Each structure stands twice: as structure tokens, then as C-alpha cells.
N, C-alpha and C. Protein backbone atom coordinates (compact mmCIF):
# COMPACT_ATOMS: atom_id res chain seq x y z
N MET A 1 -5.37 104.48 30.23
CA MET A 1 -5.15 104.81 31.56
C MET A 1 -3.70 104.56 31.85
N GLY A 2 -3.11 105.58 32.35
CA GLY A 2 -1.71 105.48 32.64
C GLY A 2 -1.42 105.70 34.12
N LEU A 3 -0.41 105.02 34.54
CA LEU A 3 0.01 105.20 35.93
C LEU A 3 1.42 105.82 35.93
N GLN A 4 1.56 106.74 36.78
CA GLN A 4 2.90 107.32 36.94
C GLN A 4 3.39 106.91 38.33
N ILE A 5 4.54 106.26 38.35
CA ILE A 5 5.10 105.81 39.62
C ILE A 5 6.41 106.59 39.84
N GLU A 6 6.44 107.20 40.94
CA GLU A 6 7.64 107.98 41.30
C GLU A 6 8.17 107.41 42.61
N THR A 7 9.47 107.04 42.61
CA THR A 7 10.06 106.47 43.84
C THR A 7 11.26 107.32 44.27
N ARG A 8 11.42 107.34 45.54
CA ARG A 8 12.62 108.00 46.09
C ARG A 8 13.29 106.98 47.02
N PRO A 9 14.60 106.82 46.86
CA PRO A 9 15.27 105.82 47.69
C PRO A 9 15.52 106.36 49.10
N LEU A 10 15.80 105.46 49.95
CA LEU A 10 16.14 105.82 51.33
C LEU A 10 17.62 106.23 51.34
N LEU A 11 17.90 107.41 51.82
CA LEU A 11 19.29 107.87 51.91
C LEU A 11 19.66 108.00 53.38
N LEU A 12 20.78 107.38 53.71
CA LEU A 12 21.27 107.45 55.09
C LEU A 12 22.45 108.41 55.14
N GLY A 13 22.60 109.09 56.23
CA GLY A 13 23.76 109.97 56.46
C GLY A 13 24.53 109.49 57.69
N ILE A 14 25.82 109.64 57.63
CA ILE A 14 26.67 109.25 58.77
C ILE A 14 27.46 110.48 59.19
N LYS A 15 27.30 110.85 60.43
CA LYS A 15 28.04 111.98 60.99
C LYS A 15 29.03 111.37 61.99
N THR A 16 30.33 111.59 61.72
CA THR A 16 31.35 110.98 62.58
C THR A 16 32.11 112.05 63.36
N GLN A 17 32.50 111.64 64.51
CA GLN A 17 33.39 112.47 65.33
C GLN A 17 34.64 111.61 65.56
N LYS A 18 35.82 112.12 65.12
CA LYS A 18 37.06 111.33 65.20
C LYS A 18 37.46 111.12 66.66
N PRO A 19 38.07 109.97 66.93
CA PRO A 19 38.53 109.74 68.30
C PRO A 19 39.76 110.62 68.57
N VAL A 20 39.96 110.95 69.82
CA VAL A 20 41.09 111.78 70.24
C VAL A 20 41.92 110.97 71.24
N GLN A 21 43.21 110.91 70.96
CA GLN A 21 44.12 110.21 71.87
C GLN A 21 45.36 111.06 72.05
N SER A 22 45.80 111.19 73.30
CA SER A 22 47.06 111.91 73.56
C SER A 22 47.84 111.14 74.62
N LEU A 23 49.14 111.07 74.40
CA LEU A 23 50.05 110.42 75.35
C LEU A 23 51.05 111.47 75.82
N GLU A 24 51.26 111.51 77.12
CA GLU A 24 52.24 112.44 77.67
C GLU A 24 53.12 111.65 78.64
N GLN A 25 54.41 111.74 78.41
CA GLN A 25 55.35 111.01 79.27
C GLN A 25 56.16 112.04 80.06
N PRO A 26 55.80 112.25 81.33
CA PRO A 26 56.60 113.18 82.13
C PRO A 26 57.98 112.57 82.43
N ARG A 27 58.95 113.42 82.58
CA ARG A 27 60.30 112.94 82.87
C ARG A 27 60.35 112.31 84.26
N GLY A 28 61.11 111.23 84.33
CA GLY A 28 61.29 110.58 85.62
C GLY A 28 62.24 111.39 86.50
N GLU A 29 62.24 111.06 87.76
CA GLU A 29 63.14 111.73 88.70
C GLU A 29 64.40 110.88 88.83
N GLN A 30 65.52 111.55 88.72
CA GLN A 30 66.79 110.85 88.77
C GLN A 30 67.71 111.56 89.76
N ASP A 31 68.27 110.77 90.66
CA ASP A 31 69.24 111.30 91.62
C ASP A 31 70.55 110.55 91.40
N ILE A 32 71.62 111.30 91.22
CA ILE A 32 72.95 110.70 91.06
C ILE A 32 73.84 111.23 92.17
N ARG A 33 74.44 110.30 92.87
CA ARG A 33 75.39 110.69 93.92
C ARG A 33 76.74 110.08 93.56
N GLN A 34 77.69 110.96 93.33
CA GLN A 34 79.03 110.53 92.94
C GLN A 34 79.86 110.30 94.20
N VAL A 35 80.34 109.08 94.36
CA VAL A 35 81.22 108.76 95.48
C VAL A 35 82.65 108.94 94.98
N LYS A 36 83.38 109.82 95.64
CA LYS A 36 84.73 110.15 95.18
C LYS A 36 85.66 108.95 95.30
N ALA A 37 86.54 108.84 94.33
CA ALA A 37 87.58 107.82 94.40
C ALA A 37 88.64 108.28 95.40
N GLU A 38 89.31 107.31 95.98
CA GLU A 38 90.33 107.64 96.97
C GLU A 38 91.65 107.02 96.54
N MET A 39 92.69 107.81 96.56
CA MET A 39 94.02 107.32 96.20
C MET A 39 94.89 107.38 97.45
N ILE A 40 95.48 106.23 97.78
CA ILE A 40 96.34 106.13 98.95
C ILE A 40 97.76 105.88 98.45
N ILE A 41 98.66 106.77 98.83
CA ILE A 41 100.06 106.66 98.41
C ILE A 41 100.91 106.37 99.64
N ASP A 42 101.63 105.27 99.58
CA ASP A 42 102.57 104.91 100.64
C ASP A 42 103.96 104.90 100.00
N ARG A 43 104.83 105.75 100.51
CA ARG A 43 106.14 105.83 99.87
C ARG A 43 107.24 105.95 100.92
N GLU A 44 108.36 105.43 100.54
CA GLU A 44 109.60 105.63 101.29
C GLU A 44 110.57 106.21 100.27
N TRP A 45 111.10 107.37 100.59
CA TRP A 45 111.98 108.03 99.63
C TRP A 45 113.15 107.11 99.29
N PRO A 46 113.55 107.09 98.03
CA PRO A 46 114.65 106.20 97.65
C PRO A 46 115.97 106.65 98.28
N ARG A 47 116.74 105.67 98.67
CA ARG A 47 118.07 105.91 99.22
C ARG A 47 119.03 104.94 98.55
N VAL A 48 120.20 105.43 98.22
CA VAL A 48 121.24 104.58 97.66
C VAL A 48 122.27 104.34 98.77
N ILE A 49 122.47 103.08 99.09
CA ILE A 49 123.41 102.70 100.14
C ILE A 49 124.61 102.05 99.46
N ILE A 50 125.77 102.68 99.61
CA ILE A 50 127.00 102.16 99.01
C ILE A 50 127.91 101.71 100.15
N ASP A 51 128.20 100.41 100.19
CA ASP A 51 129.07 99.85 101.22
C ASP A 51 130.43 99.58 100.58
N GLN A 52 131.44 100.42 100.94
CA GLN A 52 132.78 100.28 100.39
C GLN A 52 133.75 99.70 101.41
N TYR A 53 133.22 99.12 102.44
CA TYR A 53 134.08 98.61 103.51
C TYR A 53 135.07 97.57 102.97
N GLU A 54 134.56 96.66 102.15
CA GLU A 54 135.41 95.60 101.58
C GLU A 54 136.54 96.21 100.74
N CYS A 55 136.23 97.23 99.95
CA CYS A 55 137.24 97.89 99.11
C CYS A 55 138.30 98.56 99.97
N PHE A 56 137.88 99.28 101.00
CA PHE A 56 138.83 99.95 101.88
C PHE A 56 139.65 98.93 102.69
N ALA A 57 139.01 97.83 103.07
CA ALA A 57 139.71 96.80 103.86
C ALA A 57 140.84 96.21 103.04
N GLU A 58 140.63 96.04 101.73
CA GLU A 58 141.69 95.50 100.87
C GLU A 58 142.87 96.48 100.77
N ALA A 59 142.61 97.77 100.98
CA ALA A 59 143.67 98.78 100.94
C ALA A 59 144.30 98.97 102.32
N GLY A 60 143.84 98.23 103.33
CA GLY A 60 144.39 98.33 104.67
C GLY A 60 143.64 99.29 105.56
N LEU A 61 142.57 99.84 105.09
CA LEU A 61 141.77 100.78 105.90
C LEU A 61 140.60 100.02 106.49
N LYS A 62 140.84 99.41 107.65
CA LYS A 62 139.82 98.57 108.28
C LYS A 62 139.38 99.20 109.58
N GLY A 63 138.31 98.65 110.10
CA GLY A 63 137.82 99.07 111.40
C GLY A 63 138.71 98.53 112.51
N ASN A 64 138.59 99.08 113.71
CA ASN A 64 139.45 98.69 114.84
C ASN A 64 139.34 97.21 115.16
N LEU A 65 138.13 96.69 115.19
CA LEU A 65 137.93 95.29 115.55
C LEU A 65 138.55 94.37 114.50
N ASP A 66 138.36 94.70 113.22
CA ASP A 66 138.94 93.86 112.16
C ASP A 66 140.46 93.94 112.17
N LEU A 67 141.01 95.14 112.43
CA LEU A 67 142.47 95.27 112.52
C LEU A 67 143.01 94.44 113.68
N ALA A 68 142.33 94.47 114.81
CA ALA A 68 142.76 93.68 115.97
C ALA A 68 142.75 92.20 115.63
N ARG A 69 141.71 91.73 114.97
CA ARG A 69 141.64 90.31 114.59
C ARG A 69 142.76 89.95 113.61
N GLU A 70 142.96 90.83 112.61
CA GLU A 70 143.98 90.54 111.59
C GLU A 70 145.37 90.48 112.22
N TYR A 71 145.68 91.45 113.10
CA TYR A 71 147.01 91.45 113.71
C TYR A 71 147.17 90.33 114.73
N ALA A 72 146.09 89.89 115.34
CA ALA A 72 146.17 88.74 116.24
C ALA A 72 146.51 87.49 115.43
N GLU A 73 145.88 87.32 114.26
CA GLU A 73 146.19 86.18 113.39
C GLU A 73 147.63 86.27 112.89
N LEU A 74 148.05 87.50 112.51
CA LEU A 74 149.42 87.70 112.03
C LEU A 74 150.41 87.37 113.15
N GLY A 75 150.11 87.79 114.38
CA GLY A 75 150.99 87.50 115.51
C GLY A 75 151.11 86.00 115.74
N LYS A 76 150.00 85.29 115.67
CA LYS A 76 150.04 83.83 115.84
C LYS A 76 150.90 83.18 114.76
N ARG A 77 150.70 83.65 113.52
CA ARG A 77 151.45 83.07 112.41
C ARG A 77 152.95 83.35 112.55
N VAL A 78 153.31 84.59 112.94
CA VAL A 78 154.74 84.94 113.10
C VAL A 78 155.36 84.12 114.23
N VAL A 79 154.63 83.97 115.33
CA VAL A 79 155.16 83.17 116.45
C VAL A 79 155.37 81.73 116.03
N LEU A 80 154.40 81.16 115.27
CA LEU A 80 154.55 79.77 114.82
C LEU A 80 155.72 79.65 113.84
N GLU A 81 155.87 80.62 112.93
CA GLU A 81 156.98 80.56 111.98
C GLU A 81 158.32 80.70 112.73
N TYR A 82 158.36 81.61 113.70
CA TYR A 82 159.60 81.82 114.47
C TYR A 82 159.94 80.56 115.27
N THR A 83 158.91 79.97 115.86
CA THR A 83 159.13 78.74 116.62
C THR A 83 159.66 77.65 115.70
N GLY A 84 159.10 77.58 114.50
CA GLY A 84 159.57 76.58 113.53
C GLY A 84 161.00 76.85 113.12
N ARG A 85 161.35 78.14 112.91
CA ARG A 85 162.71 78.48 112.50
C ARG A 85 163.71 78.15 113.61
N ILE A 86 163.35 78.48 114.85
CA ILE A 86 164.24 78.19 115.98
C ILE A 86 164.44 76.68 116.11
N ALA A 87 163.35 75.93 115.90
CA ALA A 87 163.46 74.47 115.99
C ALA A 87 164.35 73.95 114.87
N GLN A 88 164.23 74.55 113.68
CA GLN A 88 165.05 74.12 112.55
C GLN A 88 166.53 74.45 112.82
N GLU A 89 166.78 75.64 113.37
CA GLU A 89 168.16 76.01 113.69
C GLU A 89 168.72 75.10 114.79
N GLY A 90 167.86 74.73 115.73
CA GLY A 90 168.31 73.80 116.78
C GLY A 90 168.67 72.45 116.19
N ASP A 91 167.89 72.02 115.20
CA ASP A 91 168.21 70.76 114.54
C ASP A 91 169.55 70.86 113.82
N ARG A 92 169.82 72.05 113.23
CA ARG A 92 171.10 72.23 112.53
C ARG A 92 172.28 72.17 113.53
N PHE A 93 172.07 72.79 114.70
CA PHE A 93 173.13 72.71 115.72
C PHE A 93 173.29 71.28 116.22
N GLY A 94 172.24 70.51 116.17
CA GLY A 94 172.32 69.11 116.61
C GLY A 94 173.16 68.28 115.66
N ARG A 95 173.40 68.73 114.46
CA ARG A 95 174.20 67.97 113.50
C ARG A 95 175.71 68.23 113.67
N ILE A 96 176.02 69.07 114.60
CA ILE A 96 177.45 69.30 114.86
C ILE A 96 178.10 67.97 115.25
N GLU A 97 177.36 67.14 115.91
CA GLU A 97 177.87 65.84 116.31
C GLU A 97 178.19 64.97 115.11
N ASP A 98 177.51 65.28 113.96
CA ASP A 98 177.74 64.46 112.77
C ASP A 98 179.04 64.86 112.06
N GLY A 99 179.73 65.83 112.60
CA GLY A 99 181.01 66.21 112.02
C GLY A 99 180.97 67.49 111.22
N LEU A 100 179.86 68.19 111.19
CA LEU A 100 179.81 69.47 110.50
C LEU A 100 180.47 70.51 111.38
N PRO A 101 181.23 71.45 110.80
CA PRO A 101 181.87 72.46 111.62
C PRO A 101 180.85 73.43 112.18
N ALA A 102 180.96 73.74 113.43
CA ALA A 102 180.00 74.62 114.10
C ALA A 102 180.10 76.03 113.56
N ARG A 103 181.31 76.42 113.19
CA ARG A 103 181.50 77.75 112.65
C ARG A 103 180.70 77.97 111.38
N ALA A 104 180.69 77.01 110.51
CA ALA A 104 179.96 77.14 109.23
C ALA A 104 178.45 77.21 109.48
N ILE A 105 177.97 76.44 110.43
CA ILE A 105 176.53 76.45 110.73
C ILE A 105 176.14 77.79 111.33
N VAL A 106 176.92 78.31 112.26
CA VAL A 106 176.61 79.59 112.90
C VAL A 106 176.67 80.71 111.86
N ALA A 107 177.67 80.67 110.97
CA ALA A 107 177.79 81.71 109.94
C ALA A 107 176.60 81.66 108.98
N GLU A 108 176.18 80.47 108.61
CA GLU A 108 175.03 80.33 107.69
C GLU A 108 173.75 80.86 108.32
N ILE A 109 173.52 80.52 109.59
CA ILE A 109 172.31 80.98 110.29
C ILE A 109 172.36 82.49 110.48
N ALA A 110 173.53 83.02 110.84
CA ALA A 110 173.68 84.47 111.04
C ALA A 110 173.46 85.22 109.74
N GLU A 111 173.98 84.69 108.63
CA GLU A 111 173.78 85.36 107.33
C GLU A 111 172.30 85.35 106.93
N ARG A 112 171.63 84.25 107.13
CA ARG A 112 170.21 84.15 106.78
C ARG A 112 169.38 85.13 107.60
N ASN A 113 169.71 85.28 108.90
CA ASN A 113 168.95 86.18 109.77
C ASN A 113 169.34 87.64 109.55
N ALA A 114 170.54 87.89 109.05
CA ALA A 114 170.99 89.27 108.84
C ALA A 114 170.35 89.89 107.61
N TRP A 115 170.09 89.14 106.62
CA TRP A 115 169.52 89.67 105.37
C TRP A 115 168.14 89.03 105.12
N PRO A 116 167.11 89.65 105.68
CA PRO A 116 165.78 89.06 105.46
C PRO A 116 165.38 89.18 103.99
N GLU A 117 164.57 88.26 103.54
CA GLU A 117 164.08 88.27 102.15
C GLU A 117 162.75 89.01 102.11
N TYR A 118 162.69 89.92 101.19
CA TYR A 118 161.43 90.65 100.99
C TYR A 118 160.84 90.25 99.65
N ASP A 119 159.54 90.13 99.64
CA ASP A 119 158.84 89.76 98.40
C ASP A 119 158.17 91.02 97.86
N PHE A 120 158.62 91.48 96.71
CA PHE A 120 158.01 92.65 96.09
C PHE A 120 157.03 92.17 95.02
N ASN A 121 155.85 92.74 95.05
CA ASN A 121 154.82 92.32 94.11
C ASN A 121 153.94 93.52 93.80
N VAL A 122 153.30 93.49 92.67
CA VAL A 122 152.38 94.55 92.28
C VAL A 122 150.97 93.97 92.32
N ASP A 123 150.08 94.73 92.91
CA ASP A 123 148.69 94.26 93.01
C ASP A 123 147.77 95.46 92.80
N CYS A 124 146.62 95.21 92.29
CA CYS A 124 145.63 96.28 92.09
C CYS A 124 144.57 96.17 93.17
N ILE A 125 144.25 97.31 93.74
CA ILE A 125 143.17 97.33 94.72
C ILE A 125 142.17 98.37 94.29
N PRO A 126 140.97 98.27 94.58
CA PRO A 126 140.30 97.17 95.26
C PRO A 126 139.99 96.04 94.29
N LYS A 127 139.96 94.84 94.82
CA LYS A 127 139.59 93.68 94.01
C LYS A 127 138.09 93.43 94.07
N SER A 128 137.51 93.85 95.15
CA SER A 128 136.07 93.67 95.33
C SER A 128 135.33 94.90 94.81
N ARG A 129 134.12 94.68 94.43
CA ARG A 129 133.27 95.81 94.02
C ARG A 129 132.48 96.29 95.23
N PRO A 130 132.17 97.56 95.26
CA PRO A 130 131.34 98.04 96.39
C PRO A 130 129.94 97.45 96.30
N LYS A 131 129.34 97.26 97.45
CA LYS A 131 127.96 96.76 97.50
C LYS A 131 127.03 97.95 97.41
N ILE A 132 126.21 97.95 96.38
CA ILE A 132 125.28 99.07 96.15
C ILE A 132 123.86 98.53 96.31
N GLU A 133 123.12 99.20 97.15
CA GLU A 133 121.73 98.79 97.41
C GLU A 133 120.85 100.02 97.35
N VAL A 134 119.74 99.87 96.66
CA VAL A 134 118.77 100.96 96.57
C VAL A 134 117.52 100.52 97.33
N VAL A 135 117.16 101.30 98.32
CA VAL A 135 115.96 100.99 99.10
C VAL A 135 114.96 102.12 98.92
N GLY A 136 113.74 101.79 99.15
CA GLY A 136 112.64 102.75 99.00
C GLY A 136 111.54 102.09 98.19
N HIS A 137 110.37 102.61 98.30
CA HIS A 137 109.25 102.03 97.56
C HIS A 137 108.17 103.09 97.34
N LEU A 138 107.30 102.77 96.41
CA LEU A 138 106.14 103.60 96.13
C LEU A 138 104.98 102.66 95.86
N ASN A 139 103.99 102.70 96.73
CA ASN A 139 102.78 101.88 96.57
C ASN A 139 101.60 102.82 96.40
N ILE A 140 100.85 102.62 95.33
CA ILE A 140 99.65 103.42 95.09
C ILE A 140 98.47 102.47 95.10
N ASP A 141 97.50 102.77 95.94
CA ASP A 141 96.31 101.94 96.07
C ASP A 141 95.10 102.81 95.75
N TRP A 142 94.23 102.30 94.91
CA TRP A 142 93.01 103.02 94.53
C TRP A 142 91.81 102.37 95.18
N ARG A 143 90.95 103.20 95.69
CA ARG A 143 89.63 102.73 96.13
C ARG A 143 88.63 103.47 95.27
N LEU A 144 88.07 102.73 94.33
CA LEU A 144 87.15 103.35 93.39
C LEU A 144 85.84 103.69 94.08
N GLY A 145 85.35 104.87 93.81
CA GLY A 145 84.11 105.32 94.44
C GLY A 145 82.89 104.86 93.66
N GLY A 146 82.78 105.29 92.42
CA GLY A 146 81.64 104.93 91.60
C GLY A 146 80.52 105.94 91.74
N ALA A 147 79.36 105.54 91.29
CA ALA A 147 78.20 106.42 91.34
C ALA A 147 76.99 105.61 91.82
N GLU A 148 76.17 106.26 92.62
CA GLU A 148 74.92 105.65 93.05
C GLU A 148 73.81 106.38 92.32
N ILE A 149 73.06 105.65 91.51
CA ILE A 149 72.02 106.25 90.67
C ILE A 149 70.67 105.72 91.14
N ASP A 150 69.75 106.65 91.42
CA ASP A 150 68.39 106.29 91.80
C ASP A 150 67.46 106.92 90.76
N TYR A 151 66.69 106.10 90.07
CA TYR A 151 65.79 106.60 89.02
C TYR A 151 64.37 106.14 89.34
N ARG A 152 63.46 107.11 89.38
CA ARG A 152 62.05 106.81 89.62
C ARG A 152 61.25 107.25 88.40
N PRO A 153 60.76 106.30 87.61
CA PRO A 153 59.99 106.68 86.43
C PRO A 153 58.59 107.14 86.84
N ARG A 154 58.00 107.98 86.01
CA ARG A 154 56.62 108.43 86.23
C ARG A 154 55.72 107.71 85.25
N LYS A 155 54.45 107.60 85.66
CA LYS A 155 53.49 106.91 84.80
C LYS A 155 53.15 107.77 83.60
N THR A 156 52.84 107.09 82.52
CA THR A 156 52.43 107.77 81.30
C THR A 156 51.00 108.30 81.48
N ILE A 157 50.80 109.54 81.06
CA ILE A 157 49.45 110.13 81.10
C ILE A 157 48.80 109.85 79.75
N HIS A 158 47.71 109.07 79.81
CA HIS A 158 47.05 108.65 78.58
C HIS A 158 45.62 109.18 78.58
N TYR A 159 45.29 109.95 77.55
CA TYR A 159 43.93 110.46 77.42
C TYR A 159 43.37 109.92 76.12
N TYR A 160 42.14 109.34 76.22
CA TYR A 160 41.50 108.81 75.01
C TYR A 160 40.01 109.14 75.06
N GLN A 161 39.56 109.77 73.98
CA GLN A 161 38.12 110.04 73.83
C GLN A 161 37.70 109.25 72.61
N PRO A 162 36.79 108.29 72.80
CA PRO A 162 36.39 107.48 71.65
C PRO A 162 35.61 108.31 70.62
N GLY A 163 35.74 107.88 69.40
CA GLY A 163 35.00 108.56 68.34
C GLY A 163 33.53 108.12 68.34
N LYS A 164 32.70 108.88 67.63
CA LYS A 164 31.27 108.55 67.55
C LYS A 164 30.86 108.51 66.09
N ALA A 165 29.89 107.68 65.83
CA ALA A 165 29.29 107.64 64.50
C ALA A 165 27.77 107.72 64.69
N ASN A 166 27.18 108.81 64.21
CA ASN A 166 25.72 108.98 64.27
C ASN A 166 25.15 108.71 62.89
N ILE A 167 24.29 107.76 62.83
CA ILE A 167 23.65 107.42 61.55
C ILE A 167 22.23 107.98 61.59
N TYR A 168 21.93 108.68 60.55
CA TYR A 168 20.58 109.29 60.48
C TYR A 168 20.04 109.11 59.06
N VAL A 169 18.74 109.29 58.94
CA VAL A 169 18.08 109.17 57.64
C VAL A 169 18.05 110.56 57.02
N ARG A 170 18.73 110.69 55.89
CA ARG A 170 18.74 111.97 55.18
C ARG A 170 17.48 112.11 54.32
N GLN A 171 17.04 111.04 53.79
CA GLN A 171 15.85 111.07 52.92
C GLN A 171 15.11 109.76 53.12
N TRP A 172 13.86 109.90 53.38
CA TRP A 172 13.05 108.72 53.55
C TRP A 172 12.64 108.18 52.19
N ASN A 173 12.49 106.92 52.14
CA ASN A 173 12.04 106.34 50.87
C ASN A 173 10.52 106.57 50.72
N SER A 174 10.16 106.69 49.49
CA SER A 174 8.71 106.89 49.25
C SER A 174 8.35 106.40 47.85
N ILE A 175 7.11 106.07 47.67
CA ILE A 175 6.57 105.68 46.37
C ILE A 175 5.28 106.49 46.17
N ASN A 176 5.27 107.23 45.07
CA ASN A 176 4.05 107.97 44.69
C ASN A 176 3.49 107.32 43.43
N ILE A 177 2.33 106.91 43.53
CA ILE A 177 1.65 106.34 42.36
C ILE A 177 0.49 107.28 42.02
N ARG A 178 0.52 107.77 40.78
CA ARG A 178 -0.55 108.67 40.33
C ARG A 178 -1.21 108.08 39.09
N HIS A 179 -2.39 108.43 39.04
CA HIS A 179 -3.15 108.04 37.83
C HIS A 179 -3.14 109.22 36.89
N ILE A 180 -2.77 109.00 35.69
CA ILE A 180 -2.73 110.06 34.69
C ILE A 180 -3.85 109.76 33.69
N ASP A 181 -4.63 110.79 33.48
CA ASP A 181 -5.73 110.66 32.51
C ASP A 181 -5.15 110.98 31.15
N GLU A 182 -5.20 110.10 30.24
CA GLU A 182 -4.58 110.28 28.95
C GLU A 182 -5.57 110.93 28.00
N ARG A 183 -6.70 111.11 28.31
CA ARG A 183 -7.68 111.70 27.43
C ARG A 183 -7.48 113.19 27.37
N ALA A 184 -7.11 113.77 28.20
CA ALA A 184 -7.10 115.21 28.15
C ALA A 184 -6.05 115.72 27.31
């Protein structure tokens, strides 16, 4: 007597559906406002001022007021020198009593007054340098403007569909036991 045993295993099947995910990032909104820079220029045109008064004054070319002052000083000096000379001549005449001949004193004074002494000299003018002044300016001032930036980001759009796994039985397990008659 024989037995025939036939078995079939249990087979499982898995059916999967992949997950789906998508990300979308929309562009943000951006506003830029440019503030203009400002340049401020303050200027005074350059001028060259040359003062040659001192140079001309040394050459005798003076203003009326300065000439009046100079000749007033010269007049005072000449009067004082003349007064001194007259006093000196008076002193000389006073020595006549000491026995000096009056004729010799008068002749000496007359000769001195008849032939004045002149001083000749060479001089270079002008001795002073002219005063040179440059006036004027240039001022540049900047007021920087810059930029005002406003940025508004947008949210990310996220889509996700989860995956699935379906498990099913493809083949059921079974055991068949048969009796086989060996006589036949």
C-alpha cells in the first residue's frame, strides 16, 4: 500500500503602487525702487588777485593818501634839518667873539649853501614781490540714494500621494494525500 502525498506551497503576491511626490516653487514677488543719488556742487569761480601796490610804491607810484603822508613826513624832516642847520650856523656866528674872523665864517657858510651835495646811488626796484592770491573753491557733496528692495516669497507647493502595497495570495497551500493501489 502506497501513499502519494502532493503538496503545494502558499505563494503570496505583492502589488505595489509607487508613491508620487512633486515640489513646485513659484517665484517670489520682488519690488525694487531705486532712489537716485544727488550731487550738490557749490563753486566759486577761481580768481587770481595780484596786488602790486607795494612794487609801484617803491617806484614812486603811490596813492594820493600815501603820497600826502610821505611828503608830510619829508616836510617835517626837512624843517627839522633846516632848523638844526640854522642853529649850527648861529653857533658858528657866536664864535666870532672867540676871535675867528667873521668874513671866513660867512664865506664858509655861503659856500656850503651854494653847492648842495647830492648823493647818487643805483638801486633796483621793485624790492618787494607782488602779493598773489588765488580765491575760489569747489565743493562736491554726494547724497547717496541706494535701493529699496521688497521681496515676498511664496509658499512651496508640495503634492504627495503615498504608495500602496497590496498583498494577496497567488496560490493557496494544499496537501493531497492519495492512496495508490500497488497491485494493479
